[in-house]
Amino acid sequence: MDLAGVLLGLLLVLVLVVSLLSNLLVLLCFVYSTEIRKQVAGVFLVNLSFCNLLLTVLNMPFTLLGILRSQQPLGGCVCKAVGFLETFLTSNTMLSMAALSIDKWIAVVFPLSYTSKMRYKDAVILMGYSWLHSLTFPLVSLFYSWIDYNSVYASCTLHLKEETERRRFTVFTIVFHSTSFMLSLVILCFTYLKVLKVARFHCKRIDIITMQTLVLLVDIHPSVKQRCLNEQKRRRQRATKKISIFIGSFVICFGPYIITRLIELLPFVTINYYWGIISKCLTYSKAASDPFVYSLLRQQYKKVLINIVNRILKRDLYPSSGYNSSLDTENEYCLHRTN
């Protein structure tokens, strides 16, 4: 194995370890905290972390073996099972992120009717659709024997073996990525841009009140006034930064791999081996970043983790948080959210 292969293997090991630990922490917080379990968004988060954890445990190690050995590390039946799971889990995680964005959109744009528009029943229905949708495509690919070891990505995944089925496989691949990646991306962009619009409106209103207050307080110290203006600037940037992370991480992690899979449908295109591995590692990195993007950096999860550590060390516990992330208003985006 050359140096590039070793580095790619080390990168995948790092992603695997971070993904395993972070997703386990999210599930631990869900089990430990009653407040988190009460939130409707918790259904989407636990489904996302569960899928990421399965992807980490069942798929990443075999891809790592494929990189290290430079050949198929599994038997035919095991390879098909691993490829089936990868197709299912990847699609399911994308749809879970779309469901989370819908939940946030309803909570921010329709805060007064959120409890009636997004109930546990509605969350379960959305997750049921996600599972049904995600199972359909790997079942079809398994029926047509389109799951096999693909040396370009060093993993068991969708792979065309017979040129006579290229047209059918091409249609299947386009429909699959359009109804998983593209559908989720459209939902993410629509919902989060609506959230951003509301956030900017509230920030603008708060800025007007702040400026009126500063004008009235003629004796205010210049340093205090400057701090208020700096906080005003940070408020305007905070919501934009969060929305950019939600959408940007989705595009950066999944986009290169999806585009590569679509380009390789052209019969005259050959994908570079190292680029194939890198694009695959990027998709795996989403499983490692999701817990931080959606959960662990939020104040509520930090407090739960502190309580767990204190319980283990037998220290005095902090009071449990009553903060409900599902009912965030955009005032909190602008005023004091530090997660």
Foldseek 3Di string as FASTA:
>chain_A
DDPLLVVLLVLLVVLLVLLQVLLVLLVVLCVQDPLLVQFLLSLLSNLLSVLLNCCSVLWSVQLSVLSVVLDRPDDWVSQLVSQLSVQLSLLLNLLSLLVSLVLQLCLAVVVVCSCVVRDNVNSVVSSVVSNVLSNVLSVVCVVVVQWQQDSLQSGTHGHDDDPVCLVVSLVSLVVSCCVRLVVSLVSLVVSLVSNLVSLQVLLVVVVVVLVVVCVVPVVDDPVVNVVSVVLSVCLNVQSVVLSCCSNVLSCQLQVQQSVVVNVVSPVVDDDHSSSSNVSVSSVSSCSSCVSVSPPCQFPQSVLSVQQVVCVVVVHDHDDHDNDHPSNDYSVCSRPPGRD
